[in-house]
Amino acid sequence: MVDAARERVLYTFSEVDRLAAVSSGTAKRWLLGYTYMRDGERITVPPITPRKSQMNGATFYDLIEVVAIGKFREQGFTLQAIRRIVDACQKILGVPRPLTTLVFKNEGYRLFVESPEGELVEVLRTPGQMAWKTILEPFLENLDYRANRVAAWWPQGRSAGILVDPEFGWGRPVIAGKGVRTDIILEHLQAGESISDIARDFELTPTEVEAALRFELSRQKIA
């Protein structure tokens, strides 16, 4: 099932870097691939996951993949290892973009721990179970699914009340249930408005305003 809102380009690559909390230029390299020179030879590094086209921007599904890959990187996995993980999941689960599917959430643990094919076990060795428990399971619990595909993301967990959903705020983070973009809340604070004034103007509680500001400040200036 095609979800046009989530397949549409919504973000610049720099916006994905900020939302996914990865360093500048990372999303473009991971999603489009890149080239570099080594000993006078041009080396081409392919994207980690396949995309429909070389779009000059990113979709919601692209964002989710960058977040997941970033979590692997935080734990020291190389891009080569992550690419092998994705390739193996594609083959075993039979889906082109496994990190964005419900079947990965439901079947991934089994594959990481005891894949009969051995592919993921070989990639992850004994840290397989730990990798799932510490990296992917918490991330996957913060995703909402519709028709077996990721539909929304709670970047700081559901209790924080910040939601990324292409159906609200053009895919920018919003206050859940209110639809007010968090970046707009920050702009008003920077313009000199108080938290109580912002809350009143947008019909929010001060707690919701503070949650929006915490999120935005956590994503400022990713090195």
C-alpha atoms as a PDB file:
ATOM      1  CA  MET A   1       0.000   0.000   0.000  1.00  0.00           C
ATOM      2  CA  VAL A   2       1.422   3.354  -1.074  1.00  0.00           C
ATOM      3  CA  ASP A   3       1.241   6.166   1.444  1.00  0.00           C
ATOM      4  CA  ALA A   4       1.657   9.341  -0.589  1.00  0.00           C
ATOM      5  CA  ALA A   5       2.159  11.606   2.426  1.00  0.00           C
ATOM      6  CA  ARG A   6       5.056   9.519   3.675  1.00  0.00           C
ATOM      7  CA  GLU A   7       6.603   8.933   0.250  1.00  0.00           C
ATOM      8  CA  ARG A   8       6.600  12.646  -0.582  1.00  0.00           C
ATOM      9  CA  VAL A   9       9.698  14.789  -0.086  1.00  0.00           C
ATOM     10  CA  LEU A  10       9.104  16.762   3.108  1.00  0.00           C
ATOM     11  CA  TYR A  11      12.558  17.545   4.455  1.00  0.00           C
ATOM     12  CA  THR A  12      15.879  18.890   3.324  1.00  0.00           C
ATOM     13  CA  PHE A  13      18.816  16.670   4.150  1.00  0.00           C
ATOM     14  CA  SER A  14      19.960  19.183   6.751  1.00  0.00           C
ATOM     15  CA  GLU A  15      16.538  18.982   8.431  1.00  0.00           C
ATOM     16  CA  VAL A  16      16.871  15.209   8.623  1.00  0.00           C
ATOM     17  CA  ASP A  17      20.312  15.631  10.193  1.00  0.00           C
ATOM     18  CA  ARG A  18      18.797  17.853  12.873  1.00  0.00           C
ATOM     19  CA  LEU A  19      15.718  15.738  13.579  1.00  0.00           C
ATOM     20  CA  ALA A  20      17.674  12.487  13.639  1.00  0.00           C
ATOM     21  CA  ALA A  21      20.418  14.065  15.782  1.00  0.00           C
ATOM     22  CA  VAL A  22      23.228  13.074  13.422  1.00  0.00           C
ATOM     23  CA  SER A  23      26.136  15.197  12.238  1.00  0.00           C
ATOM     24  CA  SER A  24      25.813  17.628   9.346  1.00  0.00           C
ATOM     25  CA  GLY A  25      25.851  15.975   5.913  1.00  0.00           C
ATOM     26  CA  THR A  26      25.138  12.489   7.275  1.00  0.00           C
ATOM     27  CA  ALA A  27      21.623  11.990   5.907  1.00  0.00           C
ATOM     28  CA  LYS A  28      22.636  12.889   2.363  1.00  0.00           C
ATOM     29  CA  ARG A  29      25.573  10.470   2.424  1.00  0.00           C
ATOM     30  CA  TRP A  30      23.532   7.610   3.853  1.00  0.00           C
ATOM     31  CA  LEU A  31      20.534   8.132   1.574  1.00  0.00           C
ATOM     32  CA  LEU A  32      22.267   9.022  -1.711  1.00  0.00           C
ATOM     33  CA  GLY A  33      25.683   7.477  -1.323  1.00  0.00           C
ATOM     34  CA  TYR A  34      28.860   9.387  -2.069  1.00  0.00           C
ATOM     35  CA  THR A  35      32.218   9.243  -3.802  1.00  0.00           C
ATOM     36  CA  TYR A  36      35.761   9.979  -2.682  1.00  0.00           C
ATOM     37  CA  MET A  37      39.266   9.689  -4.059  1.00  0.00           C
ATOM     38  CA  ARG A  38      41.759   7.108  -2.779  1.00  0.00           C
ATOM     39  CA  ASP A  39      45.207   6.743  -4.316  1.00  0.00           C
ATOM     40  CA  GLY A  40      43.990   8.520  -7.433  1.00  0.00           C
ATOM     41  CA  GLU A  41      40.977   6.226  -7.816  1.00  0.00           C
ATOM     42  CA  ARG A  42      37.384   7.370  -7.431  1.00  0.00           C
ATOM     43  CA  ILE A  43      35.567   5.187  -4.900  1.00  0.00           C
ATOM     44  CA  THR A  44      31.775   5.055  -4.971  1.00  0.00           C
ATOM     45  CA  VAL A  45      29.921   4.210  -1.761  1.00  0.00           C
ATOM     46  CA  PRO A  46      26.274   3.226  -2.384  1.00  0.00           C
ATOM     47  CA  PRO A  47      23.366   4.321  -0.183  1.00  0.00           C
ATOM     48  CA  ILE A  48      22.641   2.106   2.794  1.00  0.00           C
ATOM     49  CA  THR A  49      19.056   1.451   1.713  1.00  0.00           C
ATOM     50  CA  PRO A  50      17.461   1.682  -1.730  1.00  0.00           C
ATOM     51  CA  ARG A  51      15.292   4.659  -2.633  1.00  0.00           C
ATOM     52  CA  LYS A  52      12.925   5.145  -5.540  1.00  0.00           C
ATOM     53  CA  SER A  53      14.998   7.970  -6.988  1.00  0.00           C
ATOM     54  CA  GLN A  54      17.823  10.355  -6.260  1.00  0.00           C
ATOM     55  CA  MET A  55      15.376  12.910  -4.887  1.00  0.00           C
ATOM     56  CA  ASN A  56      16.855  16.195  -3.744  1.00  0.00           C
ATOM     57  CA  GLY A  57      15.360  15.871  -0.306  1.00  0.00           C
ATOM     58  CA  ALA A  58      14.020  13.253   2.076  1.00  0.00           C
ATOM     59  CA  THR A  59      10.723  11.554   2.811  1.00  0.00           C
ATOM     60  CA  PHE A  60       9.342  10.546   6.188  1.00  0.00           C
ATOM     61  CA  TYR A  61      10.492   6.975   5.535  1.00  0.00           C
ATOM     62  CA  ASP A  62      13.982   8.285   4.795  1.00  0.00           C
ATOM     63  CA  LEU A  63      13.954  10.121   8.121  1.00  0.00           C
ATOM     64  CA  ILE A  64      13.012   6.960  10.018  1.00  0.00           C
ATOM     65  CA  GLU A  65      15.804   5.006   8.358  1.00  0.00           C
ATOM     66  CA  VAL A  66      18.387   7.672   9.186  1.00  0.00           C
ATOM     67  CA  VAL A  67      17.277   7.631  12.833  1.00  0.00           C
ATOM     68  CA  ALA A  68      17.585   3.828  13.004  1.00  0.00           C
ATOM     69  CA  ILE A  69      20.971   3.789  11.274  1.00  0.00           C
ATOM     70  CA  GLY A  70      22.155   6.557  13.568  1.00  0.00           C
ATOM     71  CA  LYS A  71      21.337   4.419  16.593  1.00  0.00           C
ATOM     72  CA  PHE A  72      23.447   1.591  15.202  1.00  0.00           C
ATOM     73  CA  ARG A  73      26.311   4.027  14.657  1.00  0.00           C
ATOM     74  CA  GLU A  74      26.047   5.291  18.224  1.00  0.00           C
ATOM     75  CA  GLN A  75      26.799   1.740  19.362  1.00  0.00           C
ATOM     76  CA  GLY A  76      29.877   1.454  17.158  1.00  0.00           C
ATOM     77  CA  PHE A  77      28.506  -0.487  14.179  1.00  0.00           C
ATOM     78  CA  THR A  78      30.266   0.274  10.915  1.00  0.00           C
ATOM     79  CA  LEU A  79      28.298   1.324   7.860  1.00  0.00           C
ATOM     80  CA  GLN A  80      29.404  -1.893   6.171  1.00  0.00           C
ATOM     81  CA  ALA A  81      27.891  -3.946   9.008  1.00  0.00           C
ATOM     82  CA  ILE A  82      24.680  -1.928   8.925  1.00  0.00           C
ATOM     83  CA  ARG A  83      24.423  -2.398   5.176  1.00  0.00           C
ATOM     84  CA  ARG A  84      24.780  -6.167   5.624  1.00  0.00           C
ATOM     85  CA  ILE A  85      22.075  -6.106   8.285  1.00  0.00           C
ATOM     86  CA  VAL A  86      19.701  -4.250   5.969  1.00  0.00           C
ATOM     87  CA  ASP A  87      20.527  -6.549   3.040  1.00  0.00           C
ATOM     88  CA  ALA A  88      19.881  -9.643   5.137  1.00  0.00           C
ATOM     89  CA  CYS A  89      16.572  -8.271   6.429  1.00  0.00           C
ATOM     90  CA  GLN A  90      15.494  -7.509   2.890  1.00  0.00           C
ATOM     91  CA  LYS A  91      16.125 -11.089   1.839  1.00  0.00           C
ATOM     92  CA  ILE A  92      14.646 -12.804   4.882  1.00  0.00           C
ATOM     93  CA  LEU A  93      11.610 -10.559   5.366  1.00  0.00           C
ATOM     94  CA  GLY A  94      10.997  -9.932   1.671  1.00  0.00           C
ATOM     95  CA  VAL A  95      10.550  -6.159   2.023  1.00  0.00           C
ATOM     96  CA  PRO A  96      12.625  -3.434   0.335  1.00  0.00           C
ATOM     97  CA  ARG A  97      12.900  -1.094   3.328  1.00  0.00           C
ATOM     98  CA  PRO A  98      12.740  -3.303   6.416  1.00  0.00           C
ATOM     99  CA  LEU A  99      13.499  -0.602   8.983  1.00  0.00           C
ATOM    100  CA  THR A 100      10.173   1.087   8.150  1.00  0.00           C
ATOM    101  CA  THR A 101       7.906  -1.964   8.341  1.00  0.00           C
ATOM    102  CA  LEU A 102       5.866  -3.578  11.092  1.00  0.00           C
ATOM    103  CA  VAL A 103       7.136  -7.001  10.070  1.00  0.00           C
ATOM    104  CA  PHE A 104      10.623  -5.904  11.099  1.00  0.00           C
ATOM    105  CA  LYS A 105       9.351  -4.916  14.543  1.00  0.00           C
ATOM    106  CA  ASN A 106       7.492  -8.211  14.922  1.00  0.00           C
ATOM    107  CA  GLU A 107      10.098 -10.542  13.414  1.00  0.00           C
ATOM    108  CA  GLY A 108      13.336  -8.644  13.890  1.00  0.00           C
ATOM    109  CA  TYR A 109      14.179  -9.972  17.335  1.00  0.00           C
ATOM    110  CA  ARG A 110      13.971 -13.558  16.149  1.00  0.00           C
ATOM    111  CA  LEU A 111      16.157 -12.761  13.175  1.00  0.00           C
ATOM    112  CA  PHE A 112      18.782 -10.955  15.201  1.00  0.00           C
ATOM    113  CA  VAL A 113      19.013 -13.675  17.806  1.00  0.00           C
ATOM    114  CA  GLU A 114      18.496 -16.951  15.996  1.00  0.00           C
ATOM    115  CA  SER A 115      18.141 -16.543  12.265  1.00  0.00           C
ATOM    116  CA  PRO A 116      18.212 -20.046  10.757  1.00  0.00           C
ATOM    117  CA  GLU A 117      19.937 -18.568   7.708  1.00  0.00           C
ATOM    118  CA  GLY A 118      22.702 -17.269   9.949  1.00  0.00           C
ATOM    119  CA  GLU A 119      23.144 -14.029   8.058  1.00  0.00           C
ATOM    120  CA  LEU A 120      22.277 -11.612  10.851  1.00  0.00           C
ATOM    121  CA  VAL A 121      23.898 -13.722  13.516  1.00  0.00           C
ATOM    122  CA  GLU A 122      27.091 -13.646  11.467  1.00  0.00           C
ATOM    123  CA  VAL A 123      26.888  -9.882  11.152  1.00  0.00           C
ATOM    124  CA  LEU A 124      26.173  -9.179  14.797  1.00  0.00           C
ATOM    125  CA  ARG A 125      27.879 -12.145  16.451  1.00  0.00           C
ATOM    126  CA  THR A 126      27.085 -12.502  20.138  1.00  0.00           C
ATOM    127  CA  PRO A 127      26.005  -8.842  20.566  1.00  0.00           C
ATOM    128  CA  GLY A 128      22.942  -9.628  18.440  1.00  0.00           C
ATOM    129  CA  GLN A 129      20.508  -9.918  21.323  1.00  0.00           C
ATOM    130  CA  MET A 130      22.054  -6.960  23.125  1.00  0.00           C
ATOM    131  CA  ALA A 131      21.920  -4.837  19.979  1.00  0.00           C
ATOM    132  CA  TRP A 132      18.209  -5.481  19.622  1.00  0.00           C
ATOM    133  CA  LYS A 133      17.445  -4.819  23.280  1.00  0.00           C
ATOM    134  CA  THR A 134      19.521  -1.655  23.644  1.00  0.00           C
ATOM    135  CA  ILE A 135      19.300  -0.074  20.189  1.00  0.00           C
ATOM    136  CA  LEU A 136      16.290  -1.141  18.207  1.00  0.00           C
ATOM    137  CA  GLU A 137      13.589  -2.271  20.596  1.00  0.00           C
ATOM    138  CA  PRO A 138      13.303   1.121  22.392  1.00  0.00           C
ATOM    139  CA  PHE A 139      13.320   2.929  19.038  1.00  0.00           C
ATOM    140  CA  LEU A 140      10.686   0.640  17.516  1.00  0.00           C
ATOM    141  CA  GLU A 141       8.425   1.104  20.533  1.00  0.00           C
ATOM    142  CA  ASN A 142       8.329   4.818  19.701  1.00  0.00           C
ATOM    143  CA  LEU A 143       6.885   4.212  16.228  1.00  0.00           C
ATOM    144  CA  ASP A 144       3.214   4.047  15.224  1.00  0.00           C
ATOM    145  CA  TYR A 145       2.254   1.788  12.315  1.00  0.00           C
ATOM    146  CA  ARG A 146      -0.514   1.806   9.747  1.00  0.00           C
ATOM    147  CA  ALA A 147      -1.001  -0.911   7.123  1.00  0.00           C
ATOM    148  CA  ASN A 148       2.328  -2.452   8.181  1.00  0.00           C
ATOM    149  CA  ARG A 149       4.360   0.722   7.538  1.00  0.00           C
ATOM    150  CA  VAL A 150       5.639   3.346   9.937  1.00  0.00           C
ATOM    151  CA  ALA A 151       3.103   6.161  10.180  1.00  0.00           C
ATOM    152  CA  ALA A 152       4.467   8.348  12.990  1.00  0.00           C
ATOM    153  CA  TRP A 153       7.448   8.721  15.313  1.00  0.00           C
ATOM    154  CA  TRP A 154       7.652   9.861  18.941  1.00  0.00           C
ATOM    155  CA  PRO A 155      11.250  11.153  18.967  1.00  0.00           C
ATOM    156  CA  GLN A 156      11.575  11.459  22.746  1.00  0.00           C
ATOM    157  CA  GLY A 157       9.148   8.707  23.707  1.00  0.00           C
ATOM    158  CA  ARG A 158       5.388   8.881  23.959  1.00  0.00           C
ATOM    159  CA  SER A 159       5.406  10.451  27.410  1.00  0.00           C
ATOM    160  CA  ALA A 160       7.198  13.559  26.094  1.00  0.00           C
ATOM    161  CA  GLY A 161       4.208  14.379  23.893  1.00  0.00           C
ATOM    162  CA  ILE A 162       6.159  15.375  20.767  1.00  0.00           C
ATOM    163  CA  LEU A 163       5.065  13.707  17.526  1.00  0.00           C
ATOM    164  CA  VAL A 164       6.463  13.547  13.978  1.00  0.00           C
ATOM    165  CA  ASP A 165       3.673  12.646  11.567  1.00  0.00           C
ATOM    166  CA  PRO A 166       3.426  13.795   7.921  1.00  0.00           C
ATOM    167  CA  GLU A 167      -0.277  14.463   8.454  1.00  0.00           C
ATOM    168  CA  PHE A 168       0.509  17.282  10.887  1.00  0.00           C
ATOM    169  CA  GLY A 169       2.721  20.322  10.429  1.00  0.00           C
ATOM    170  CA  TRP A 170       4.134  19.089   7.101  1.00  0.00           C
ATOM    171  CA  GLY A 171       6.042  16.404   8.938  1.00  0.00           C
ATOM    172  CA  ARG A 172       7.727  18.745  11.395  1.00  0.00           C
ATOM    173  CA  PRO A 173       7.573  17.862  15.090  1.00  0.00           C
ATOM    174  CA  VAL A 174       4.339  18.966  16.736  1.00  0.00           C
ATOM    175  CA  ILE A 175       2.753  18.864  20.158  1.00  0.00           C
ATOM    176  CA  ALA A 176       0.663  15.704  20.077  1.00  0.00           C
ATOM    177  CA  GLY A 177      -3.062  16.316  20.084  1.00  0.00           C
ATOM    178  CA  LYS A 178      -2.614  20.013  19.376  1.00  0.00           C
ATOM    179  CA  GLY A 179      -0.749  20.036  16.062  1.00  0.00           C
ATOM    180  CA  VAL A 180       1.353  23.078  16.985  1.00  0.00           C
ATOM    181  CA  ARG A 181       4.860  22.883  15.542  1.00  0.00           C
ATOM    182  CA  THR A 182       7.667  22.895  18.081  1.00  0.00           C
ATOM    183  CA  ASP A 183       9.886  25.122  15.952  1.00  0.00           C
ATOM    184  CA  ILE A 184       7.197  27.809  15.955  1.00  0.00           C
ATOM    185  CA  ILE A 185       7.053  27.639  19.741  1.00  0.00           C
ATOM    186  CA  LEU A 186      10.818  28.234  19.874  1.00  0.00           C
ATOM    187  CA  GLU A 187      10.542  31.165  17.458  1.00  0.00           C
ATOM    188  CA  HIS A 188       8.030  32.859  19.725  1.00  0.00           C
ATOM    189  CA  LEU A 189      10.248  32.342  22.764  1.00  0.00           C
ATOM    190  CA  GLN A 190      13.235  33.788  20.886  1.00  0.00           C
ATOM    191  CA  ALA A 191      11.071  36.769  19.936  1.00  0.00           C
ATOM    192  CA  GLY A 192      10.757  37.576  23.632  1.00  0.00           C
ATOM    193  CA  GLU A 193       7.412  36.032  24.509  1.00  0.00           C
ATOM    194  CA  SER A 194       7.040  34.312  27.854  1.00  0.00           C
ATOM    195  CA  ILE A 195       6.020  30.687  28.251  1.00  0.00           C
ATOM    196  CA  SER A 196       2.688  31.759  29.718  1.00  0.00           C
ATOM    197  CA  ASP A 197       2.022  34.107  26.779  1.00  0.00           C
ATOM    198  CA  ILE A 198       2.857  31.377  24.262  1.00  0.00           C
ATOM    199  CA  ALA A 199       0.647  28.898  26.076  1.00  0.00           C
ATOM    200  CA  ARG A 200      -2.268  31.322  26.012  1.00  0.00           C
ATOM    201  CA  ASP A 201      -1.802  32.298  22.339  1.00  0.00           C
ATOM    202  CA  PHE A 202      -1.694  28.676  21.113  1.00  0.00           C
ATOM    203  CA  GLU A 203      -4.176  27.262  23.644  1.00  0.00           C
ATOM    204  CA  LEU A 204      -1.521  25.069  25.212  1.00  0.00           C
ATOM    205  CA  THR A 205      -0.527  24.328  28.763  1.00  0.00           C
ATOM    206  CA  PRO A 206       2.794  25.675  30.053  1.00  0.00           C
ATOM    207  CA  THR A 207       3.920  22.052  30.371  1.00  0.00           C
ATOM    208  CA  GLU A 208       3.291  21.473  26.658  1.00  0.00           C
ATOM    209  CA  VAL A 209       5.215  24.615  25.759  1.00  0.00           C
ATOM    210  CA  GLU A 210       8.141  23.527  27.920  1.00  0.00           C
ATOM    211  CA  ALA A 211       8.124  20.070  26.305  1.00  0.00           C
ATOM    212  CA  ALA A 212       8.271  21.667  22.843  1.00  0.00           C
ATOM    213  CA  LEU A 213      11.168  23.882  23.891  1.00  0.00           C
ATOM    214  CA  ARG A 214      13.087  20.977  25.414  1.00  0.00           C
ATOM    215  CA  PHE A 215      12.745  19.062  22.190  1.00  0.00           C
ATOM    216  CA  GLU A 216      13.876  21.957  20.007  1.00  0.00           C
ATOM    217  CA  LEU A 217      16.841  22.774  22.230  1.00  0.00           C
ATOM    218  CA  SER A 218      17.882  19.125  22.203  1.00  0.00           C
ATOM    219  CA  ARG A 219      18.127  19.293  18.410  1.00  0.00           C
ATOM    220  CA  GLN A 220      19.957  22.601  18.148  1.00  0.00           C
ATOM    221  CA  LYS A 221      23.342  22.730  16.474  1.00  0.00           C
ATOM    222  CA  ILE A 222      24.144  19.089  15.831  1.00  0.00           C
ATOM    223  CA  ALA A 223      27.909  18.941  15.514  1.00  0.00           C
END
